[in-house]
Amino acid sequence: MGSVLDTSVLVLNSNYTAVHIIGARRAFRLLCKEHAEVVSQAGEQWECYNFQSWVELSRARHLFPQDDGDWIRTVNLTIRVPRIIRLLLFDRRPRKTVKFNRRNIFARDANRCQYCGRRFPTSELSLDHVVPRSRGGQTTWSNIVCACTNCNARKGGKLPVEAHMRLIQKPYRPKSSPIVRIKVASPRYQSWKHFVDEAYWSVPLKD
């Protein structure tokens, strides 16, 4: 289990456009340097807090819902990890494409082997070229899928039809970040929905 300081925080630009996701450690660094402020929902309204006012608000724990909070405790204070921060200076516009990497491929396929349909931990999955590289297959969104060890070994260097195997879905390039979709579906990150329009927005993520 990761540290609370690795908790995901949504970053908004100064114009409240979502631009990326960072860990809580970096978010607190931006807050302490006064490069950002916390954006927090209070009933049907949104309030902004600098670092000091967020520390003071955190002292009143009864004001926060108890089911989705992450807290950092030090010798001198207990502070809630913000879900959303806003940069005080304009940073950049969000990217329109999803980064092609192992993490996003696993998220796109929901950790499900695309041949047998079973879900596996990431450590038990590999990436398979539907059309093998030895047959001219490219390393692209449309030719890479998650596969479990057994299915990958069974398929080998063959085409799926030659191995008498069938894809449960055709691989595709996501229009929006698969990881954001997973997080927004969790009650923990419900507050992100107000700022995330997945019809056009995607989030760059670190590998």
Protein backbone atom coordinates (compact mmCIF):
# COMPACT_ATOMS: atom_id res chain seq x y z
CA MET A 1 0.00 0.00 0.00
CA GLY A 2 1.37 3.41 -0.99
CA SER A 3 1.99 6.37 1.24
CA VAL A 4 -0.72 8.98 1.78
CA LEU A 5 1.73 11.39 0.16
CA ASP A 6 1.28 9.43 -3.08
CA THR A 7 -2.48 10.13 -3.13
CA SER A 8 -3.62 11.61 -6.45
CA VAL A 9 -4.48 15.31 -6.61
CA LEU A 10 -6.17 16.94 -9.59
CA VAL A 11 -4.44 20.13 -10.78
CA LEU A 12 -6.44 22.97 -12.30
CA ASN A 13 -5.02 25.83 -14.27
CA SER A 14 -5.62 29.40 -13.11
CA ASN A 15 -8.76 29.44 -15.31
CA TYR A 16 -10.05 26.26 -13.60
CA THR A 17 -9.23 23.99 -16.54
CA ALA A 18 -7.98 20.56 -15.46
CA VAL A 19 -4.42 20.03 -16.68
CA HIS A 20 -2.87 17.03 -14.93
CA ILE A 21 -2.64 14.77 -11.89
CA ILE A 22 0.15 14.85 -9.33
CA GLY A 23 0.91 13.20 -6.01
CA ALA A 24 0.01 14.83 -2.69
CA ARG A 25 3.69 15.40 -1.87
CA ARG A 26 4.14 17.67 -4.87
CA ALA A 27 0.76 19.31 -4.25
CA PHE A 28 1.80 20.34 -0.73
CA ARG A 29 5.08 21.66 -2.10
CA LEU A 30 3.16 23.93 -4.50
CA LEU A 31 0.87 25.07 -1.69
CA CYS A 32 3.74 25.87 0.67
CA LYS A 33 5.48 27.91 -2.04
CA GLU A 34 2.20 29.79 -2.65
CA HIS A 35 2.16 28.61 -6.26
CA ALA A 36 -1.26 27.03 -5.81
CA GLU A 37 -4.37 27.02 -3.63
CA VAL A 38 -6.77 24.30 -2.53
CA VAL A 39 -10.17 24.08 -4.24
CA SER A 40 -12.66 22.32 -1.97
CA GLN A 41 -16.37 21.70 -2.16
CA ALA A 42 -18.49 23.15 0.65
CA GLY A 43 -22.04 21.97 0.10
CA GLU A 44 -23.03 23.19 -3.36
CA GLN A 45 -20.29 25.81 -3.47
CA TRP A 46 -16.54 25.72 -4.11
CA GLU A 47 -14.12 27.49 -1.80
CA CYS A 48 -10.42 28.30 -2.26
CA TYR A 49 -7.82 28.17 0.51
CA ASN A 50 -4.14 29.02 0.75
CA PHE A 51 -1.91 26.67 2.71
CA GLN A 52 -2.39 28.38 6.07
CA SER A 53 -6.16 28.63 5.82
CA TRP A 54 -6.30 24.98 4.72
CA VAL A 55 -4.32 23.99 7.81
CA GLU A 56 -6.76 25.95 9.97
CA LEU A 57 -9.77 24.38 8.25
CA SER A 58 -8.25 20.92 8.71
CA ARG A 59 -8.38 21.45 12.47
CA ALA A 60 -12.17 21.40 12.21
CA ARG A 61 -12.38 17.77 11.07
CA HIS A 62 -16.14 17.65 11.63
CA LEU A 63 -16.57 19.88 8.55
CA PHE A 64 -15.24 17.15 6.26
CA PRO A 65 -17.01 13.96 5.15
CA GLN A 66 -15.55 10.98 7.00
CA ASP A 67 -15.72 8.38 4.25
CA ASP A 68 -13.17 9.59 1.70
CA GLY A 69 -10.55 11.63 3.52
CA ASP A 70 -6.80 11.14 3.56
CA TRP A 71 -4.93 12.84 6.39
CA ILE A 72 -1.29 13.56 7.12
CA ARG A 73 -0.29 13.70 10.76
CA THR A 74 2.87 15.35 12.05
CA VAL A 75 4.05 16.26 15.52
CA ASN A 76 2.56 19.75 15.21
CA LEU A 77 -0.51 19.35 13.02
CA THR A 78 -2.98 17.11 11.22
CA ILE A 79 -3.86 18.22 7.70
CA ARG A 80 -6.24 16.82 5.13
CA VAL A 81 -4.85 15.90 1.71
CA PRO A 82 -6.66 18.09 -0.84
CA ARG A 83 -8.40 16.41 -3.76
CA ILE A 84 -8.00 19.44 -6.05
CA ILE A 85 -5.57 22.35 -6.25
CA ARG A 86 -5.50 25.35 -8.57
CA LEU A 87 -2.34 26.93 -9.96
CA LEU A 88 -2.15 30.66 -9.34
CA LEU A 89 -0.22 31.31 -12.54
CA PHE A 90 -1.29 30.07 -15.97
CA ASP A 91 0.50 26.80 -16.65
CA ARG A 92 -0.60 25.24 -19.93
CA ARG A 93 -3.55 23.90 -21.82
CA PRO A 94 -4.41 20.22 -21.37
CA ARG A 95 -3.12 17.73 -23.91
CA LYS A 96 -5.61 16.29 -26.35
CA THR A 97 -3.98 12.86 -26.62
CA VAL A 98 -3.48 10.09 -24.09
CA LYS A 99 0.10 9.09 -23.41
CA PHE A 100 0.95 5.66 -24.86
CA ASN A 101 2.48 3.72 -21.98
CA ARG A 102 2.10 0.48 -20.06
CA ARG A 103 0.04 2.05 -17.28
CA ASN A 104 -2.58 3.45 -19.66
CA ILE A 105 -2.79 0.20 -21.65
CA PHE A 106 -3.48 -1.76 -18.45
CA ALA A 107 -6.08 0.84 -17.46
CA ARG A 108 -7.73 0.78 -20.91
CA ASP A 109 -8.08 -3.00 -20.73
CA ALA A 110 -9.08 -2.85 -17.03
CA ASN A 111 -6.36 -5.38 -16.11
CA ARG A 112 -8.29 -8.00 -18.08
CA CYS A 113 -6.57 -10.51 -20.37
CA GLN A 114 -7.97 -9.71 -23.80
CA TYR A 115 -8.02 -13.38 -24.76
CA CYS A 116 -9.46 -15.30 -21.80
CA GLY A 117 -11.29 -12.32 -20.28
CA ARG A 118 -10.04 -12.88 -16.72
CA ARG A 119 -8.73 -10.06 -14.52
CA PHE A 120 -5.22 -10.28 -13.09
CA PRO A 121 -2.91 -8.15 -10.93
CA THR A 122 -0.65 -5.99 -13.06
CA SER A 123 2.33 -8.13 -12.04
CA GLU A 124 0.70 -11.16 -13.70
CA LEU A 125 -0.06 -9.44 -17.01
CA SER A 126 2.10 -8.79 -20.03
CA LEU A 127 1.62 -6.84 -23.25
CA ASP A 128 0.95 -8.81 -26.42
CA HIS A 129 1.30 -7.71 -30.04
CA VAL A 130 -1.91 -8.92 -31.71
CA VAL A 131 -0.04 -9.05 -35.01
CA PRO A 132 3.41 -10.28 -33.89
CA ARG A 133 6.39 -8.05 -34.51
CA SER A 134 7.94 -10.90 -36.50
CA ARG A 135 4.97 -10.52 -38.89
CA GLY A 136 5.28 -6.75 -39.17
CA GLY A 137 3.08 -5.81 -36.21
CA GLN A 138 3.62 -2.34 -34.79
CA THR A 139 3.82 -1.21 -31.16
CA THR A 140 0.70 0.96 -31.28
CA TRP A 141 -2.61 1.40 -29.43
CA SER A 142 -4.38 -0.66 -32.10
CA ASN A 143 -1.99 -3.62 -31.91
CA ILE A 144 -1.16 -3.95 -28.19
CA VAL A 145 -3.36 -5.70 -25.61
CA CYS A 146 -3.06 -7.06 -22.08
CA ALA A 147 -2.54 -10.83 -21.92
CA CYS A 148 -2.07 -13.24 -19.06
CA THR A 149 0.99 -15.50 -18.97
CA ASN A 150 -0.87 -18.60 -20.15
CA CYS A 151 -2.60 -16.90 -23.06
CA ASN A 152 0.58 -15.12 -24.12
CA ALA A 153 2.47 -18.42 -24.16
CA ARG A 154 -0.34 -20.17 -26.03
CA LYS A 155 -0.49 -17.49 -28.72
CA GLY A 156 3.28 -17.16 -29.11
CA GLY A 157 4.25 -15.70 -32.47
CA LYS A 158 0.95 -16.53 -34.16
CA LEU A 159 -2.02 -14.46 -35.18
CA PRO A 160 -5.02 -14.98 -32.86
CA VAL A 161 -6.92 -16.90 -35.54
CA GLU A 162 -3.94 -19.20 -36.07
CA ALA A 163 -3.80 -19.94 -32.33
CA HIS A 164 -7.60 -20.49 -32.26
CA MET A 165 -7.95 -17.51 -29.93
CA ARG A 166 -10.28 -14.55 -30.02
CA LEU A 167 -9.96 -10.99 -28.70
CA ILE A 168 -12.74 -9.98 -26.31
CA GLN A 169 -12.54 -6.45 -27.76
CA LYS A 170 -10.62 -4.74 -30.53
CA PRO A 171 -7.71 -2.64 -29.19
CA TYR A 172 -8.17 1.10 -29.65
CA ARG A 173 -6.66 4.49 -28.88
CA PRO A 174 -8.55 6.01 -25.91
CA LYS A 175 -9.95 9.50 -26.41
CA SER A 176 -9.51 10.29 -22.73
CA SER A 177 -7.32 9.04 -19.93
CA PRO A 178 -8.40 5.53 -18.82
CA ILE A 179 -6.92 6.16 -15.36
CA VAL A 180 -9.03 9.30 -14.89
CA ARG A 181 -12.16 7.30 -15.76
CA ILE A 182 -11.24 4.71 -13.13
CA LYS A 183 -10.56 7.33 -10.46
CA VAL A 184 -13.67 9.41 -11.15
CA ALA A 185 -15.79 6.26 -10.79
CA SER A 186 -14.54 5.96 -7.20
CA PRO A 187 -16.38 7.86 -4.43
CA ARG A 188 -12.95 9.04 -3.30
CA TYR A 189 -12.57 11.28 -6.34
CA GLN A 190 -16.17 12.33 -6.99
CA SER A 191 -15.25 16.00 -6.62
CA TRP A 192 -13.16 15.73 -9.82
CA LYS A 193 -16.28 15.25 -11.95
CA HIS A 194 -17.10 18.94 -11.84
CA PHE A 195 -13.86 19.77 -13.66
CA VAL A 196 -13.34 16.70 -15.86
CA ASP A 197 -15.14 16.51 -19.18
CA GLU A 198 -13.97 13.22 -20.61
CA ALA A 199 -15.46 13.94 -24.02
CA TYR A 200 -12.48 16.13 -24.88
CA TRP A 201 -10.04 16.14 -21.98
CA SER A 202 -7.19 13.74 -21.20
CA VAL A 203 -4.61 13.81 -18.43
CA PRO A 204 -0.85 13.36 -18.89
CA LEU A 205 0.49 10.99 -16.27
CA LYS A 206 3.95 10.10 -15.09
CA ASP A 207 5.18 6.60 -15.83
